Amino acid sequence: MGISPADLVGAGRPAAPTFAEYIPVVREAVSEGSRKAYNTYWNRVLEHWSQRRIDEVRASDIERLSEHVKANRVQRRNARGGHGSAENLIAALRCLYRRAVADGLLSEGENPALKVSKPRRMPSTRRAVPDTRLAEINEAAARTSEDPDLDSLLLRLHTETACRRGGALALRPRDLDPTQCLIRLQEKGDTVRWQPVSPTLMQHLLLHAEQRQAPPDDQLLRYRNGRPITHRRYDTLWGRIGEALPWVATQQISTHWLRHTTLTWVERNFGYAIARGYAGHTDRGSDVGSTATYVKATVEELAAAVAALTGEPHPLV
């Protein structure tokens, strides 16, 4: 009859859209976090495959585009050979094709992104910051700031709770429970947790909300004029700290290093289970074992081992 098995598989299925037609659909369907993570790479796909149908791309096409993105990445001081760019491109395409399968545009076996291996993720260079260095960071932040109350509160919040930037920016006055000294953190993956804080931090959060007239259901952290802060505040904060402390700029230290610092301290003093809860990690998906990323041995601890082994003092100890 002139009908192939492939014809039967595709029978009754709508024609596959082009990337130009389908990427906007996927952008609208995913969470804000996924959109932010993948948008740059979807734009790269549009630059190369805008008018191609999504069922015309093969695994080899994805591999070639991955190598192109890797070779033409934005050069940064903390670049690591383009592994992250290649990994993120493949993750962005896997997200797109999962949606296409769910929408009935392709079968699971026709998903080309699953046939391409992601580059193995390289170990994070982030680690816990020693107490003396952390004190330097806090001093420099307050000294160089036009709004030291805000920047000192930001650093205290992240150091004490190990929250992510998104969790801090999502915090609202209504998320504060001063009676029990708890704050409600909403972080990536739509996770929600109640995090204990000190009475001192709670007092300063309440005072900040009152002085800067933060509405109960709106963002808590604000500038003096009442405007909510954004991710850009973190960029300028660490830029200033890096100018004052060259070692901060050299090591590309950021807010996420504070999360490593706090979780390492909690793990060393209270154990892995408490550190895992402190991090807000769950038993699902990529969260399993994630805490280990944050509590690996620090270079100072390794130096202490060298000093003990050799009987000689070490400058990091």
Protein backbone atom coordinates (compact mmCIF):
# COMPACT_ATOMS: atom_id res chain seq x y z
CA MET A 1 0.00 0.00 0.00
CA GLY A 2 3.03 2.25 0.03
CA ILE A 3 2.69 3.03 3.78
CA SER A 4 5.78 2.82 5.94
CA PRO A 5 5.88 2.22 9.74
CA ALA A 6 7.00 5.85 10.10
CA ASP A 7 3.86 7.00 8.30
CA LEU A 8 1.70 5.03 10.74
CA VAL A 9 3.51 6.46 13.77
CA GLY A 10 2.86 10.00 12.61
CA ALA A 11 -0.70 9.41 11.41
CA GLY A 12 -3.23 11.77 12.93
CA ARG A 13 -0.57 13.91 14.53
CA PRO A 14 -0.47 17.67 13.82
CA ALA A 15 2.39 18.97 11.70
CA ALA A 16 5.38 19.90 13.85
CA PRO A 17 5.89 23.65 14.30
CA THR A 18 9.08 25.54 13.56
CA PHE A 19 11.33 26.62 16.39
CA ALA A 20 10.21 30.22 15.78
CA GLU A 21 6.61 29.10 16.35
CA TYR A 22 7.20 26.74 19.27
CA ILE A 23 9.80 28.43 21.47
CA PRO A 24 7.34 31.23 22.45
CA VAL A 25 4.86 28.50 23.47
CA VAL A 26 7.45 26.83 25.67
CA ARG A 27 8.53 30.15 27.18
CA GLU A 28 4.99 30.81 28.30
CA ALA A 29 4.53 27.30 29.70
CA VAL A 30 7.64 26.98 31.89
CA SER A 31 8.32 28.55 35.28
CA GLU A 32 10.05 31.90 35.62
CA GLY A 33 13.19 30.16 36.86
CA SER A 34 13.37 27.87 33.82
CA ARG A 35 12.67 30.78 31.50
CA LYS A 36 15.52 32.76 33.00
CA ALA A 37 17.91 29.78 32.85
CA TYR A 38 17.13 28.73 29.28
CA ASN A 39 16.12 31.91 27.47
CA THR A 40 19.63 32.77 26.29
CA TYR A 41 20.03 29.30 24.78
CA TRP A 42 16.61 29.31 23.13
CA ASN A 43 17.70 32.55 21.49
CA ARG A 44 20.79 30.75 20.17
CA VAL A 45 18.53 28.06 18.74
CA LEU A 46 16.43 30.72 17.01
CA GLU A 47 19.54 32.29 15.50
CA HIS A 48 20.39 28.99 13.78
CA TRP A 49 17.16 27.04 13.37
CA SER A 50 14.38 29.61 13.42
CA GLN A 51 12.56 28.27 10.35
CA ARG A 52 13.34 24.58 10.85
CA ARG A 53 10.60 22.32 12.15
CA ILE A 54 11.35 20.80 15.53
CA ASP A 55 11.08 17.28 14.07
CA GLU A 56 13.77 18.01 11.47
CA VAL A 57 16.62 18.29 13.97
CA ARG A 58 18.80 15.29 14.66
CA ALA A 59 21.19 14.47 17.50
CA SER A 60 24.16 15.36 15.29
CA ASP A 61 22.65 18.80 14.65
CA ILE A 62 22.41 19.40 18.38
CA GLU A 63 26.00 18.28 18.88
CA ARG A 64 27.22 20.69 16.19
CA LEU A 65 25.26 23.58 17.67
CA SER A 66 26.57 22.68 21.13
CA GLU A 67 30.16 22.90 19.86
CA HIS A 68 29.39 26.22 18.17
CA VAL A 69 27.92 27.70 21.34
CA LYS A 70 30.88 26.39 23.32
CA ALA A 71 33.40 27.95 20.93
CA ASN A 72 31.58 31.30 20.74
CA ARG A 73 30.64 31.74 24.38
CA VAL A 74 31.04 35.07 26.17
CA GLN A 75 34.55 35.10 27.62
CA ARG A 76 34.53 35.61 31.38
CA ARG A 77 37.25 35.37 33.98
CA ASN A 78 35.55 32.42 35.61
CA ALA A 79 34.97 30.60 32.28
CA ARG A 80 35.77 26.89 32.33
CA GLY A 81 36.21 25.94 28.70
CA GLY A 82 32.58 26.44 27.71
CA HIS A 83 31.35 23.29 29.46
CA GLY A 84 28.55 25.23 31.14
CA SER A 85 27.35 26.77 27.86
CA ALA A 86 27.17 23.38 26.16
CA GLU A 87 25.43 21.81 29.14
CA ASN A 88 22.86 24.61 29.34
CA LEU A 89 22.09 24.46 25.62
CA ILE A 90 21.35 20.75 25.81
CA ALA A 91 19.26 21.28 28.96
CA ALA A 92 17.28 24.01 27.18
CA LEU A 93 16.60 21.72 24.22
CA ARG A 94 15.62 18.84 26.51
CA CYS A 95 13.12 21.15 28.18
CA LEU A 96 11.70 22.16 24.80
CA TYR A 97 11.42 18.59 23.51
CA ARG A 98 9.84 17.33 26.74
CA ARG A 99 7.11 19.87 26.17
CA ALA A 100 6.78 18.80 22.51
CA VAL A 101 6.35 15.16 23.56
CA ALA A 102 3.77 16.17 26.18
CA ASP A 103 1.93 18.19 23.53
CA GLY A 104 1.77 15.16 21.24
CA LEU A 105 3.98 16.72 18.57
CA LEU A 106 6.64 13.99 18.87
CA SER A 107 6.95 10.58 20.42
CA GLU A 108 9.45 9.90 23.21
CA GLY A 109 11.60 7.94 20.77
CA GLU A 110 11.75 10.90 18.39
CA ASN A 111 13.21 13.23 21.01
CA PRO A 112 16.70 14.06 19.64
CA ALA A 113 17.84 15.90 22.77
CA LEU A 114 17.74 12.67 24.79
CA LYS A 115 20.22 11.12 22.36
CA VAL A 116 22.89 13.73 23.12
CA SER A 117 25.00 13.37 26.25
CA LYS A 118 25.45 16.42 28.45
CA PRO A 119 29.06 17.39 29.20
CA ARG A 120 29.94 16.20 32.67
CA ARG A 121 29.47 19.03 35.13
CA MET A 122 32.75 20.26 36.54
CA PRO A 123 33.13 20.53 40.33
CA SER A 124 32.16 23.89 41.78
CA THR A 125 35.00 26.20 42.77
CA ARG A 126 32.86 27.73 45.52
CA ARG A 127 33.72 26.92 49.11
CA ALA A 128 33.20 28.21 52.64
CA VAL A 129 34.73 31.59 53.43
CA PRO A 130 36.86 31.69 56.62
CA ASP A 131 35.58 33.80 59.53
CA THR A 132 38.28 36.44 59.16
CA ARG A 133 37.55 36.87 55.46
CA LEU A 134 33.81 36.99 56.10
CA ALA A 135 34.39 39.82 58.59
CA GLU A 136 36.38 41.69 55.93
CA ILE A 137 33.51 41.28 53.45
CA ASN A 138 30.94 42.67 55.90
CA GLU A 139 33.19 45.60 56.82
CA ALA A 140 33.87 46.47 53.17
CA ALA A 141 30.19 46.22 52.25
CA ALA A 142 29.17 48.70 54.94
CA ARG A 143 32.13 51.04 54.37
CA THR A 144 31.66 51.40 50.60
CA SER A 145 27.86 51.53 50.52
CA GLU A 146 25.53 54.49 50.07
CA ASP A 147 22.97 52.38 51.95
CA PRO A 148 24.95 50.39 54.56
CA ASP A 149 21.80 49.36 56.45
CA LEU A 150 20.46 47.58 53.37
CA ASP A 151 23.72 45.89 52.37
CA SER A 152 24.56 44.79 55.91
CA LEU A 153 21.05 43.35 56.27
CA LEU A 154 21.42 41.48 52.97
CA LEU A 155 24.70 39.87 54.03
CA ARG A 156 23.36 39.01 57.49
CA LEU A 157 20.22 37.45 55.97
CA HIS A 158 22.18 35.23 53.58
CA THR A 159 24.86 34.31 56.11
CA GLU A 160 22.39 33.38 58.83
CA THR A 161 19.81 31.53 56.72
CA ALA A 162 21.90 30.21 53.77
CA CYS A 163 19.03 31.32 51.53
CA ARG A 164 19.43 31.87 47.81
CA ARG A 165 19.08 35.28 46.18
CA GLY A 166 15.65 34.34 44.87
CA GLY A 167 14.51 33.45 48.38
CA ALA A 168 15.63 36.81 49.75
CA LEU A 169 13.98 38.75 46.92
CA ALA A 170 10.71 36.85 47.37
CA LEU A 171 10.56 37.55 51.10
CA ARG A 172 7.52 39.61 52.19
CA PRO A 173 6.60 41.19 55.53
CA ARG A 174 3.80 38.64 55.88
CA ASP A 175 6.47 35.88 55.73
CA LEU A 176 7.90 36.97 59.09
CA ASP A 177 6.79 35.17 62.26
CA PRO A 178 8.38 37.24 65.05
CA THR A 179 6.77 35.18 67.82
CA GLN A 180 8.62 32.03 66.82
CA CYS A 181 11.51 33.78 65.00
CA LEU A 182 10.75 32.08 61.69
CA ILE A 183 10.80 33.37 58.12
CA ARG A 184 9.02 31.76 55.18
CA LEU A 185 11.40 31.22 52.26
CA GLN A 186 10.11 30.58 48.74
CA GLU A 187 12.96 29.34 46.58
CA LYS A 188 13.71 27.50 43.34
CA GLY A 189 11.52 24.61 42.31
CA ASP A 190 8.58 26.31 44.05
CA THR A 191 9.84 25.00 47.40
CA VAL A 192 8.61 26.66 50.58
CA ARG A 193 10.19 26.28 54.00
CA TRP A 194 10.12 27.95 57.39
CA GLN A 195 13.65 28.91 58.41
CA PRO A 196 14.56 29.78 62.03
CA VAL A 197 16.40 33.09 62.47
CA SER A 198 17.89 34.91 65.42
CA PRO A 199 15.86 37.53 67.33
CA THR A 200 18.41 40.12 66.16
CA LEU A 201 17.86 39.38 62.47
CA MET A 202 14.09 39.28 62.96
CA GLN A 203 14.19 42.68 64.67
CA HIS A 204 16.14 44.22 61.79
CA LEU A 205 13.88 42.68 59.14
CA LEU A 206 10.80 44.09 60.88
CA LEU A 207 12.45 47.49 61.26
CA HIS A 208 13.49 47.51 57.60
CA ALA A 209 9.93 46.70 56.48
CA GLU A 210 8.51 49.44 58.68
CA GLN A 211 11.00 52.16 57.77
CA ARG A 212 10.83 51.46 54.04
CA GLN A 213 7.05 51.04 54.03
CA ALA A 214 6.97 47.56 52.51
CA PRO A 215 3.36 46.43 51.94
CA PRO A 216 2.53 43.18 53.80
CA ASP A 217 2.03 41.18 50.59
CA ASP A 218 4.84 42.74 48.58
CA GLN A 219 8.62 42.51 48.58
CA LEU A 220 10.29 43.26 51.90
CA LEU A 221 13.80 44.32 50.84
CA ARG A 222 13.75 47.87 49.50
CA TYR A 223 15.83 50.96 48.82
CA ARG A 224 15.40 54.07 50.98
CA ASN A 225 12.91 55.48 48.46
CA GLY A 226 10.71 52.42 48.91
CA ARG A 227 11.54 50.84 45.56
CA PRO A 228 12.07 47.05 45.73
CA ILE A 229 15.61 45.85 45.11
CA THR A 230 16.41 43.46 42.27
CA HIS A 231 19.21 41.03 41.38
CA ARG A 232 21.16 44.07 40.18
CA ARG A 233 21.70 45.17 43.79
CA TYR A 234 23.73 42.02 44.39
CA ASP A 235 25.86 42.69 41.32
CA THR A 236 26.72 46.22 42.41
CA LEU A 237 27.29 45.07 46.01
CA TRP A 238 29.87 42.45 45.06
CA GLY A 239 31.41 44.79 42.52
CA ARG A 240 32.09 47.32 45.28
CA ILE A 241 33.36 44.65 47.67
CA GLY A 242 35.67 43.33 44.93
CA GLU A 243 37.13 46.79 44.39
CA ALA A 244 37.82 47.14 48.11
CA LEU A 245 39.06 43.56 48.54
CA PRO A 246 40.94 42.35 45.43
CA TRP A 247 40.88 38.72 46.60
CA VAL A 248 37.07 38.79 46.38
CA ALA A 249 37.25 39.81 42.71
CA THR A 250 40.05 37.34 41.97
CA GLN A 251 38.11 34.37 43.35
CA GLN A 252 34.78 35.60 41.91
CA ILE A 253 33.15 35.41 45.34
CA SER A 254 29.41 36.00 45.32
CA THR A 255 26.34 35.63 47.52
CA HIS A 256 26.24 31.89 46.87
CA TRP A 257 29.59 31.53 48.65
CA LEU A 258 27.79 32.62 51.83
CA ARG A 259 25.44 29.66 51.41
CA HIS A 260 28.47 27.36 51.19
CA THR A 261 29.97 29.04 54.26
CA THR A 262 26.90 28.61 56.45
CA LEU A 263 26.06 25.06 55.37
CA THR A 264 29.66 23.95 55.91
CA TRP A 265 29.60 25.36 59.45
CA VAL A 266 26.24 23.73 60.21
CA GLU A 267 27.41 20.36 58.85
CA ARG A 268 30.64 20.44 60.86
CA ASN A 269 28.84 21.32 64.09
CA PHE A 270 25.43 19.62 63.77
CA GLY A 271 25.83 16.90 61.13
CA TYR A 272 24.74 16.22 57.57
CA ALA A 273 21.03 15.80 58.27
CA ILE A 274 20.74 19.23 59.89
CA ALA A 275 22.77 20.83 57.10
CA ARG A 276 20.48 19.24 54.54
CA GLY A 277 17.42 20.65 56.26
CA TYR A 278 19.15 24.03 56.63
CA ALA A 279 19.79 24.05 52.88
CA GLY A 280 16.14 23.31 52.10
CA HIS A 281 17.08 20.22 50.09
CA THR A 282 14.46 17.54 49.53
CA ASP A 283 14.39 13.83 48.71
CA ARG A 284 13.38 14.46 45.11
CA GLY A 285 15.29 14.55 41.84
CA SER A 286 18.55 16.49 41.69
CA ASP A 287 18.24 17.50 45.36
CA VAL A 288 19.31 14.01 46.47
CA GLY A 289 22.91 14.35 47.63
CA SER A 290 23.06 18.06 46.74
CA THR A 291 24.09 19.03 50.25
CA ALA A 292 27.45 17.32 49.72
CA THR A 293 28.27 20.01 47.16
CA TYR A 294 28.11 22.64 49.88
CA VAL A 295 29.97 20.90 52.68
CA LYS A 296 33.12 19.66 50.93
CA ALA A 297 36.48 20.18 52.66
CA THR A 298 37.77 23.75 52.56
CA VAL A 299 41.30 24.68 51.55
CA GLU A 300 41.87 25.88 55.12
CA GLU A 301 40.94 22.44 56.45
CA LEU A 302 43.31 20.84 53.96
CA ALA A 303 46.04 23.24 55.06
CA ALA A 304 45.40 22.25 58.68
CA ALA A 305 45.88 18.62 57.68
CA VAL A 306 49.19 19.50 56.00
CA ALA A 307 50.34 21.36 59.10
CA ALA A 308 49.42 18.42 61.31
CA LEU A 309 51.11 15.96 58.95
CA THR A 310 54.37 17.88 58.59
CA GLY A 311 54.53 19.55 61.98
CA GLU A 312 55.12 22.90 60.23
CA PRO A 313 52.87 25.97 60.47
CA HIS A 314 50.86 26.93 57.40
CA PRO A 315 49.80 30.53 56.53
CA LEU A 316 46.16 29.48 56.04
CA VAL A 317 45.86 27.95 59.50
